[in-house]
Structure formats: C-alpha cells, structure tokens
Amino acid sequence: MSAGSNRTNLGTAMHGAEFVLVNGVIFETGYLRVPDGDTVADDIVLEARNGSSEIEFTREELDGAEHVGEGVYRLKSGALLRFFSSATIH
C-alpha cells in the first residue's frame, strides 16, 4: 500500500472524529484537520484533550502512519491512534 493510500485511509478515519484513542487513552478532539495538499509538515492537524492533558500532532507526525487493523494506526513514533465518534462508543 502506498503512503498516499495510507494517508487517504487515515484521512477517512480522522474525518468527523470526535475522539481519538492514543495508546489506550481517550482524548476529545478540539481541532482536527485532515491533512491535504495545502498542509505542510509542521502544520498542527490534531489537538485533543483528556481532562488537563493536551496532545497535538503535526502532519509530519501523521505522515506514514501504518494501518495495523481495526481502525488502528501506528505512527513512526510508535504511538497507536484510533479515531471515532460518539456514535461508535458503546
């Protein structure tokens, strides 16, 4: 699978996501921008919060994310991400 195809799949997973699971911890998305041709490596594409903890990811950090199954993506850093909306929480 090409990097472009992985980015498309990650973009589909990110689209409209209200939450992101990062290494087993649920964060509520505050800002989410699906990377596209107008984003550059250091653009923030995801900001999320869990209580007083905040995380952010740049396009560069999400580039090359590997789909490892069941909607889970592994970043180059080793972090595991899964995007979802409240409709998918049971």
PDB file of N, CA and C in Angstrom:
ATOM      1  N   MET A   1       0.845  -1.177   0.000  1.00  0.00           N
ATOM      2  CA  MET A   1       0.000   0.000   0.000  1.00  0.00           C
ATOM      3  C   MET A   1       0.887   1.235   0.000  1.00  0.00           C
ATOM      4  N   SER A   2       0.565   2.186  -0.836  1.00  0.00           N
ATOM      5  CA  SER A   2       1.404   3.375  -0.945  1.00  0.00           C
ATOM      6  C   SER A   2       1.167   4.319   0.211  1.00  0.00           C
ATOM      7  N   ALA A   3       2.120   5.213   0.449  1.00  0.00           N
ATOM      8  CA  ALA A   3       1.982   6.207   1.521  1.00  0.00           C
ATOM      9  C   ALA A   3       0.772   7.079   1.265  1.00  0.00           C
ATOM     10  N   GLY A   4       0.518   7.430  -0.009  1.00  0.00           N
ATOM     11  CA  GLY A   4      -0.643   8.239  -0.342  1.00  0.00           C
ATOM     12  C   GLY A   4      -1.932   7.523   0.015  1.00  0.00           C
ATOM     13  N   SER A   5      -1.981   6.224  -0.252  1.00  0.00           N
ATOM     14  CA  SER A   5      -3.168   5.440   0.077  1.00  0.00           C
ATOM     15  C   SER A   5      -3.365   5.363   1.584  1.00  0.00           C
ATOM     16  N   ASN A   6      -2.277   5.171   2.338  1.00  0.00           N
ATOM     17  CA  ASN A   6      -2.369   5.170   3.803  1.00  0.00           C
ATOM     18  C   ASN A   6      -2.868   6.507   4.308  1.00  0.00           C
ATOM     19  N   ARG A   7      -2.393   7.599   3.724  1.00  0.00           N
ATOM     20  CA  ARG A   7      -2.820   8.927   4.152  1.00  0.00           C
ATOM     21  C   ARG A   7      -4.312   9.087   3.889  1.00  0.00           C
ATOM     22  N   THR A   8      -4.789   8.587   2.722  1.00  0.00           N
ATOM     23  CA  THR A   8      -6.204   8.668   2.401  1.00  0.00           C
ATOM     24  C   THR A   8      -7.015   7.896   3.426  1.00  0.00           C
ATOM     25  N   ASN A   9      -6.591   6.702   3.769  1.00  0.00           N
ATOM     26  CA  ASN A   9      -7.305   5.902   4.761  1.00  0.00           C
ATOM     27  C   ASN A   9      -7.284   6.576   6.123  1.00  0.00           C
ATOM     28  N   LEU A  10      -6.153   7.139   6.512  1.00  0.00           N
ATOM     29  CA  LEU A  10      -6.062   7.850   7.775  1.00  0.00           C
ATOM     30  C   LEU A  10      -6.972   9.070   7.735  1.00  0.00           C
ATOM     31  N   GLY A  11      -6.992   9.765   6.610  1.00  0.00           N
ATOM     32  CA  GLY A  11      -7.873  10.919   6.459  1.00  0.00           C
ATOM     33  C   GLY A  11      -9.330  10.534   6.602  1.00  0.00           C
ATOM     34  N   THR A  12      -9.709   9.406   6.034  1.00  0.00           N
ATOM     35  CA  THR A  12     -11.075   8.915   6.176  1.00  0.00           C
ATOM     36  C   THR A  12     -11.381   8.607   7.634  1.00  0.00           C
ATOM     37  N   ALA A  13     -10.435   7.992   8.327  1.00  0.00           N
ATOM     38  CA  ALA A  13     -10.627   7.670   9.747  1.00  0.00           C
ATOM     39  C   ALA A  13     -10.747   8.943  10.581  1.00  0.00           C
ATOM     40  N   MET A  14      -9.959   9.961  10.240  1.00  0.00           N
ATOM     41  CA  MET A  14      -9.965  11.213  11.002  1.00  0.00           C
ATOM     42  C   MET A  14     -11.226  12.034  10.762  1.00  0.00           C
ATOM     43  N   HIS A  15     -11.772  11.963   9.555  1.00  0.00           N
ATOM     44  CA  HIS A  15     -12.879  12.836   9.149  1.00  0.00           C
ATOM     45  C   HIS A  15     -14.057  12.752  10.131  1.00  0.00           C
ATOM     46  N   GLY A  16     -14.359  13.866  10.760  1.00  0.00           N
ATOM     47  CA  GLY A  16     -15.502  13.956  11.652  1.00  0.00           C
ATOM     48  C   GLY A  16     -15.319  13.293  13.010  1.00  0.00           C
ATOM     49  N   ALA A  17     -14.115  12.824  13.290  1.00  0.00           N
ATOM     50  CA  ALA A  17     -13.884  12.128  14.563  1.00  0.00           C
ATOM     51  C   ALA A  17     -14.022  13.091  15.739  1.00  0.00           C
ATOM     52  N   GLU A  18     -14.756  12.671  16.735  1.00  0.00           N
ATOM     53  CA  GLU A  18     -14.925  13.464  17.945  1.00  0.00           C
ATOM     54  C   GLU A  18     -13.929  13.065  19.032  1.00  0.00           C
ATOM     55  N   PHE A  19     -13.383  11.873  18.879  1.00  0.00           N
ATOM     56  CA  PHE A  19     -12.456  11.340  19.865  1.00  0.00           C
ATOM     57  C   PHE A  19     -11.304  10.632  19.159  1.00  0.00           C
ATOM     58  N   VAL A  20     -10.193  10.546  19.869  1.00  0.00           N
ATOM     59  CA  VAL A  20      -9.058   9.782  19.380  1.00  0.00           C
ATOM     60  C   VAL A  20      -8.503   8.988  20.568  1.00  0.00           C
ATOM     61  N   LEU A  21      -8.256   7.728  20.328  1.00  0.00           N
ATOM     62  CA  LEU A  21      -7.642   6.852  21.323  1.00  0.00           C
ATOM     63  C   LEU A  21      -6.156   6.853  21.031  1.00  0.00           C
ATOM     64  N   VAL A  22      -5.346   7.307  21.978  1.00  0.00           N
ATOM     65  CA  VAL A  22      -3.892   7.385  21.804  1.00  0.00           C
ATOM     66  C   VAL A  22      -3.257   6.485  22.852  1.00  0.00           C
ATOM     67  N   ASN A  23      -2.653   5.397  22.390  1.00  0.00           N
ATOM     68  CA  ASN A  23      -2.010   4.443  23.302  1.00  0.00           C
ATOM     69  C   ASN A  23      -2.929   4.056  24.460  1.00  0.00           C
ATOM     70  N   GLY A  24      -4.209   3.831  24.145  1.00  0.00           N
ATOM     71  CA  GLY A  24      -5.156   3.350  25.144  1.00  0.00           C
ATOM     72  C   GLY A  24      -5.848   4.425  25.956  1.00  0.00           C
ATOM     73  N   VAL A  25      -5.565   5.704  25.705  1.00  0.00           N
ATOM     74  CA  VAL A  25      -6.175   6.811  26.451  1.00  0.00           C
ATOM     75  C   VAL A  25      -7.083   7.591  25.498  1.00  0.00           C
ATOM     76  N   ILE A  26      -8.331   7.827  25.918  1.00  0.00           N
ATOM     77  CA  ILE A  26      -9.287   8.550  25.083  1.00  0.00           C
ATOM     78  C   ILE A  26      -9.126  10.050  25.278  1.00  0.00           C
ATOM     79  N   PHE A  27      -9.004  10.763  24.151  1.00  0.00           N
ATOM     80  CA  PHE A  27      -8.939  12.219  24.129  1.00  0.00           C
ATOM     81  C   PHE A  27     -10.089  12.738  23.281  1.00  0.00           C
ATOM     82  N   GLU A  28     -10.657  13.871  23.674  1.00  0.00           N
ATOM     83  CA  GLU A  28     -11.684  14.525  22.877  1.00  0.00           C
ATOM     84  C   GLU A  28     -11.006  15.498  21.924  1.00  0.00           C
ATOM     85  N   THR A  29     -11.337  15.391  20.640  1.00  0.00           N
ATOM     86  CA  THR A  29     -10.705  16.269  19.663  1.00  0.00           C
ATOM     87  C   THR A  29     -11.207  17.694  19.835  1.00  0.00           C
ATOM     88  N   GLY A  30     -10.291  18.633  19.832  1.00  0.00           N
ATOM     89  CA  GLY A  30     -10.631  20.042  19.894  1.00  0.00           C
ATOM     90  C   GLY A  30     -10.441  20.683  18.534  1.00  0.00           C
ATOM     91  N   TYR A  31      -9.417  20.258  17.838  1.00  0.00           N
ATOM     92  CA  TYR A  31      -9.117  20.743  16.496  1.00  0.00           C
ATOM     93  C   TYR A  31      -8.674  19.544  15.687  1.00  0.00           C
ATOM     94  N   LEU A  32      -9.243  19.423  14.500  1.00  0.00           N
ATOM     95  CA  LEU A  32      -8.923  18.292  13.638  1.00  0.00           C
ATOM     96  C   LEU A  32      -8.946  18.765  12.199  1.00  0.00           C
ATOM     97  N   ARG A  33      -7.846  18.585  11.512  1.00  0.00           N
ATOM     98  CA  ARG A  33      -7.778  18.916  10.083  1.00  0.00           C
ATOM     99  C   ARG A  33      -7.175  17.732   9.356  1.00  0.00           C
ATOM    100  N   VAL A  34      -7.944  17.173   8.465  1.00  0.00           N
ATOM    101  CA  VAL A  34      -7.437  16.067   7.665  1.00  0.00           C
ATOM    102  C   VAL A  34      -6.324  16.606   6.771  1.00  0.00           C
ATOM    103  N   PRO A  35      -5.112  16.029   6.850  1.00  0.00           N
ATOM    104  CA  PRO A  35      -4.010  16.506   6.000  1.00  0.00           C
ATOM    105  C   PRO A  35      -4.389  16.443   4.523  1.00  0.00           C
ATOM    106  N   ASP A  36      -4.027  17.487   3.801  1.00  0.00           N
ATOM    107  CA  ASP A  36      -4.297  17.545   2.371  1.00  0.00           C
ATOM    108  C   ASP A  36      -3.132  18.231   1.676  1.00  0.00           C
ATOM    109  N   GLY A  37      -3.303  18.565   0.431  1.00  0.00           N
ATOM    110  CA  GLY A  37      -2.242  19.183  -0.350  1.00  0.00           C
ATOM    111  C   GLY A  37      -1.835  20.559   0.142  1.00  0.00           C
ATOM    112  N   ASP A  38      -2.672  21.193   0.953  1.00  0.00           N
ATOM    113  CA  ASP A  38      -2.369  22.531   1.468  1.00  0.00           C
ATOM    114  C   ASP A  38      -1.676  22.517   2.820  1.00  0.00           C
ATOM    115  N   THR A  39      -1.595  21.355   3.467  1.00  0.00           N
ATOM    116  CA  THR A  39      -0.923  21.291   4.766  1.00  0.00           C
ATOM    117  C   THR A  39       0.549  20.973   4.545  1.00  0.00           C
ATOM    118  N   VAL A  40       1.386  21.543   5.396  1.00  0.00           N
ATOM    119  CA  VAL A  40       2.826  21.285   5.335  1.00  0.00           C
ATOM    120  C   VAL A  40       3.233  20.512   6.589  1.00  0.00           C
ATOM    121  N   ALA A  41       4.456  20.015   6.587  1.00  0.00           N
ATOM    122  CA  ALA A  41       4.932  19.100   7.627  1.00  0.00           C
ATOM    123  C   ALA A  41       4.710  19.607   9.049  1.00  0.00           C
ATOM    124  N   ASP A  42       4.929  20.905   9.305  1.00  0.00           N
ATOM    125  CA  ASP A  42       4.826  21.386  10.683  1.00  0.00           C
ATOM    126  C   ASP A  42       3.451  21.950  11.043  1.00  0.00           C
ATOM    127  N   ASP A  43       2.458  21.800  10.156  1.00  0.00           N
ATOM    128  CA  ASP A  43       1.089  22.222  10.474  1.00  0.00           C
ATOM    129  C   ASP A  43       0.486  21.293  11.523  1.00  0.00           C
ATOM    130  N   ILE A  44      -0.152  21.880  12.525  1.00  0.00           N
ATOM    131  CA  ILE A  44      -0.894  21.090  13.513  1.00  0.00           C
ATOM    132  C   ILE A  44      -2.160  20.583  12.826  1.00  0.00           C
ATOM    133  N   VAL A  45      -2.397  19.273  12.874  1.00  0.00           N
ATOM    134  CA  VAL A  45      -3.598  18.706  12.263  1.00  0.00           C
ATOM    135  C   VAL A  45      -4.525  18.071  13.295  1.00  0.00           C
ATOM    136  N   LEU A  46      -4.037  17.923  14.533  1.00  0.00           N
ATOM    137  CA  LEU A  46      -4.864  17.338  15.586  1.00  0.00           C
ATOM    138  C   LEU A  46      -4.472  17.927  16.934  1.00  0.00           C
ATOM    139  N   GLU A  47      -5.474  18.453  17.631  1.00  0.00           N
ATOM    140  CA  GLU A  47      -5.326  18.841  19.037  1.00  0.00           C
ATOM    141  C   GLU A  47      -6.451  18.155  19.780  1.00  0.00           C
ATOM    142  N   ALA A  48      -6.134  17.565  20.927  1.00  0.00           N
ATOM    143  CA  ALA A  48      -7.139  16.841  21.698  1.00  0.00           C
ATOM    144  C   ALA A  48      -6.832  16.968  23.185  1.00  0.00           C
ATOM    145  N   ARG A  49      -7.871  16.735  23.996  1.00  0.00           N
ATOM    146  CA  ARG A  49      -7.748  16.938  25.435  1.00  0.00           C
ATOM    147  C   ARG A  49      -8.415  15.775  26.198  1.00  0.00           C
ATOM    148  N   ASN A  50      -7.788  15.428  27.307  1.00  0.00           N
ATOM    149  CA  ASN A  50      -8.350  14.491  28.270  1.00  0.00           C
ATOM    150  C   ASN A  50      -8.121  15.137  29.628  1.00  0.00           C
ATOM    151  N   GLY A  51      -9.187  15.745  30.196  1.00  0.00           N
ATOM    152  CA  GLY A  51      -9.024  16.486  31.446  1.00  0.00           C
ATOM    153  C   GLY A  51      -8.043  17.624  31.238  1.00  0.00           C
ATOM    154  N   SER A  52      -6.989  17.648  32.043  1.00  0.00           N
ATOM    155  CA  SER A  52      -5.994  18.718  31.908  1.00  0.00           C
ATOM    156  C   SER A  52      -4.854  18.330  30.959  1.00  0.00           C
ATOM    157  N   SER A  53      -4.888  17.122  30.429  1.00  0.00           N
ATOM    158  CA  SER A  53      -3.857  16.669  29.488  1.00  0.00           C
ATOM    159  C   SER A  53      -4.241  17.056  28.067  1.00  0.00           C
ATOM    160  N   GLU A  54      -3.285  17.631  27.360  1.00  0.00           N
ATOM    161  CA  GLU A  54      -3.499  18.005  25.970  1.00  0.00           C
ATOM    162  C   GLU A  54      -2.428  17.365  25.101  1.00  0.00           C
ATOM    163  N   ILE A  55      -2.836  16.996  23.888  1.00  0.00           N
ATOM    164  CA  ILE A  55      -1.891  16.451  22.917  1.00  0.00           C
ATOM    165  C   ILE A  55      -2.086  17.187  21.604  1.00  0.00           C
ATOM    166  N   GLU A  56      -1.060  17.162  20.787  1.00  0.00           N
ATOM    167  CA  GLU A  56      -1.182  17.681  19.437  1.00  0.00           C
ATOM    168  C   GLU A  56      -0.242  16.895  18.536  1.00  0.00           C
ATOM    169  N   PHE A  57      -0.656  16.796  17.274  1.00  0.00           N
ATOM    170  CA  PHE A  57       0.146  16.111  16.279  1.00  0.00           C
ATOM    171  C   PHE A  57       0.250  16.986  15.051  1.00  0.00           C
ATOM    172  N   THR A  58       1.418  16.962  14.432  1.00  0.00           N
ATOM    173  CA  THR A  58       1.632  17.680  13.178  1.00  0.00           C
ATOM    174  C   THR A  58       1.399  16.724  12.011  1.00  0.00           C
ATOM    175  N   ARG A  59       1.302  17.308  10.834  1.00  0.00           N
ATOM    176  CA  ARG A  59       1.158  16.465   9.642  1.00  0.00           C
ATOM    177  C   ARG A  59       2.340  15.515   9.535  1.00  0.00           C
ATOM    178  N   GLU A  60       3.544  16.012   9.808  1.00  0.00           N
ATOM    179  CA  GLU A  60       4.738  15.168   9.709  1.00  0.00           C
ATOM    180  C   GLU A  60       4.628  13.944  10.626  1.00  0.00           C
ATOM    181  N   GLU A  61       4.083  14.130  11.817  1.00  0.00           N
ATOM    182  CA  GLU A  61       3.942  13.010  12.751  1.00  0.00           C
ATOM    183  C   GLU A  61       2.937  11.979  12.259  1.00  0.00           C
ATOM    184  N   LEU A  62       1.924  12.423  11.500  1.00  0.00           N
ATOM    185  CA  LEU A  62       0.910  11.501  10.992  1.00  0.00           C
ATOM    186  C   LEU A  62       1.282  10.898   9.647  1.00  0.00           C
ATOM    187  N   ASP A  63       2.160  11.583   8.899  1.00  0.00           N
ATOM    188  CA  ASP A  63       2.597  11.044   7.606  1.00  0.00           C
ATOM    189  C   ASP A  63       3.245   9.685   7.800  1.00  0.00           C
ATOM    190  N   GLY A  64       2.904   8.772   6.937  1.00  0.00           N
ATOM    191  CA  GLY A  64       3.482   7.438   7.009  1.00  0.00           C
ATOM    192  C   GLY A  64       2.848   6.543   8.057  1.00  0.00           C
ATOM    193  N   ALA A  65       1.726   6.983   8.635  1.00  0.00           N
ATOM    194  CA  ALA A  65       1.037   6.137   9.622  1.00  0.00           C
ATOM    195  C   ALA A  65       0.669   4.814   8.964  1.00  0.00           C
ATOM    196  N   GLU A  66       0.880   3.747   9.689  1.00  0.00           N
ATOM    197  CA  GLU A  66       0.634   2.401   9.174  1.00  0.00           C
ATOM    198  C   GLU A  66      -0.652   1.856   9.774  1.00  0.00           C
ATOM    199  N   HIS A  67      -1.584   1.455   8.904  1.00  0.00           N
ATOM    200  CA  HIS A  67      -2.822   0.839   9.381  1.00  0.00           C
ATOM    201  C   HIS A  67      -2.491  -0.563   9.862  1.00  0.00           C
ATOM    202  N   VAL A  68      -2.785  -0.848  11.130  1.00  0.00           N
ATOM    203  CA  VAL A  68      -2.433  -2.153  11.699  1.00  0.00           C
ATOM    204  C   VAL A  68      -3.666  -3.002  11.972  1.00  0.00           C
ATOM    205  N   GLY A  69      -4.834  -2.518  11.566  1.00  0.00           N
ATOM    206  CA  GLY A  69      -6.066  -3.290  11.692  1.00  0.00           C
ATOM    207  C   GLY A  69      -7.084  -2.644  12.616  1.00  0.00           C
ATOM    208  N   GLU A  70      -8.352  -2.937  12.343  1.00  0.00           N
ATOM    209  CA  GLU A  70      -9.474  -2.478  13.155  1.00  0.00           C
ATOM    210  C   GLU A  70      -9.456  -0.976  13.419  1.00  0.00           C
ATOM    211  N   GLY A  71      -9.055  -0.197  12.411  1.00  0.00           N
ATOM    212  CA  GLY A  71      -9.055   1.255  12.531  1.00  0.00           C
ATOM    213  C   GLY A  71      -7.910   1.838  13.334  1.00  0.00           C
ATOM    214  N   VAL A  72      -6.930   1.028  13.678  1.00  0.00           N
ATOM    215  CA  VAL A  72      -5.789   1.475  14.475  1.00  0.00           C
ATOM    216  C   VAL A  72      -4.623   1.785  13.540  1.00  0.00           C
ATOM    217  N   TYR A  73      -3.970   2.923  13.800  1.00  0.00           N
ATOM    218  CA  TYR A  73      -2.820   3.356  13.014  1.00  0.00           C
ATOM    219  C   TYR A  73      -1.608   3.501  13.924  1.00  0.00           C
ATOM    220  N   ARG A  74      -0.456   3.028  13.460  1.00  0.00           N
ATOM    221  CA  ARG A  74       0.803   3.171  14.195  1.00  0.00           C
ATOM    222  C   ARG A  74       1.608   4.277  13.523  1.00  0.00           C
ATOM    223  N   LEU A  75       1.976   5.268  14.319  1.00  0.00           N
ATOM    224  CA  LEU A  75       2.802   6.357  13.807  1.00  0.00           C
ATOM    225  C   LEU A  75       4.262   5.947  13.807  1.00  0.00           C
ATOM    226  N   LYS A  76       5.096   6.716  13.121  1.00  0.00           N
ATOM    227  CA  LYS A  76       6.542   6.440  13.104  1.00  0.00           C
ATOM    228  C   LYS A  76       7.108   6.443  14.516  1.00  0.00           C
ATOM    229  N   SER A  77       6.511   7.233  15.415  1.00  0.00           N
ATOM    230  CA  SER A  77       6.968   7.310  16.809  1.00  0.00           C
ATOM    231  C   SER A  77       6.617   6.055  17.600  1.00  0.00           C
ATOM    232  N   GLY A  78       5.733   5.217  17.045  1.00  0.00           N
ATOM    233  CA  GLY A  78       5.273   4.028  17.739  1.00  0.00           C
ATOM    234  C   GLY A  78       3.921   4.218  18.405  1.00  0.00           C
ATOM    235  N   ALA A  79       3.444   5.452  18.490  1.00  0.00           N
ATOM    236  CA  ALA A  79       2.130   5.720  19.090  1.00  0.00           C
ATOM    237  C   ALA A  79       1.041   5.052  18.265  1.00  0.00           C
ATOM    238  N   LEU A  80       0.019   4.544  18.952  1.00  0.00           N
ATOM    239  CA  LEU A  80      -1.123   3.928  18.297  1.00  0.00           C
ATOM    240  C   LEU A  80      -2.322   4.857  18.408  1.00  0.00           C
ATOM    241  N   LEU A  81      -2.970   5.146  17.276  1.00  0.00           N
ATOM    242  CA  LEU A  81      -4.117   6.039  17.234  1.00  0.00           C
ATOM    243  C   LEU A  81      -5.315   5.325  16.644  1.00  0.00           C
ATOM    244  N   ARG A  82      -6.489   5.664  17.169  1.00  0.00           N
ATOM    245  CA  ARG A  82      -7.751   5.213  16.572  1.00  0.00           C
ATOM    246  C   ARG A  82      -8.749   6.347  16.725  1.00  0.00           C
ATOM    247  N   PHE A  83      -9.379   6.738  15.641  1.00  0.00           N
ATOM    248  CA  PHE A  83     -10.336   7.830  15.626  1.00  0.00           C
ATOM    249  C   PHE A  83     -11.755   7.269  15.646  1.00  0.00           C
ATOM    250  N   PHE A  84     -12.656   7.966  16.389  1.00  0.00           N
ATOM    251  CA  PHE A  84     -14.053   7.531  16.397  1.00  0.00           C
ATOM    252  C   PHE A  84     -14.954   8.671  16.850  1.00  0.00           C
ATOM    253  N   SER A  85     -16.248   8.483  16.657  1.00  0.00           N
ATOM    254  CA  SER A  85     -17.235   9.467  17.079  1.00  0.00           C
ATOM    255  C   SER A  85     -18.082   8.864  18.190  1.00  0.00           C
ATOM    256  N   SER A  86     -18.879   9.692  18.815  1.00  0.00           N
ATOM    257  CA  SER A  86     -19.683   9.231  19.952  1.00  0.00           C
ATOM    258  C   SER A  86     -20.653   8.132  19.531  1.00  0.00           C
ATOM    259  N   ALA A  87     -21.046   8.106  18.267  1.00  0.00           N
ATOM    260  CA  ALA A  87     -21.962   7.077  17.784  1.00  0.00           C
ATOM    261  C   ALA A  87     -21.324   5.690  17.808  1.00  0.00           C
ATOM    262  N   THR A  88     -19.981   5.626  17.862  1.00  0.00           N
ATOM    263  CA  THR A  88     -19.303   4.323  17.855  1.00  0.00           C
ATOM    264  C   THR A  88     -18.918   3.857  19.247  1.00  0.00           C
ATOM    265  N   ILE A  89     -19.179   4.679  20.279  1.00  0.00           N
ATOM    266  CA  ILE A  89     -18.855   4.286  21.645  1.00  0.00           C
ATOM    267  C   ILE A  89     -20.039   3.515  22.221  1.00  0.00           C
ATOM    268  N   HIS A  90     -19.774   2.351  22.764  1.00  0.00           N
ATOM    269  CA  HIS A  90     -20.844   1.515  23.326  1.00  0.00           C
ATOM    270  C   HIS A  90     -20.640   1.315  24.799  1.00  0.00           C
TER     271      HIS A  90
END
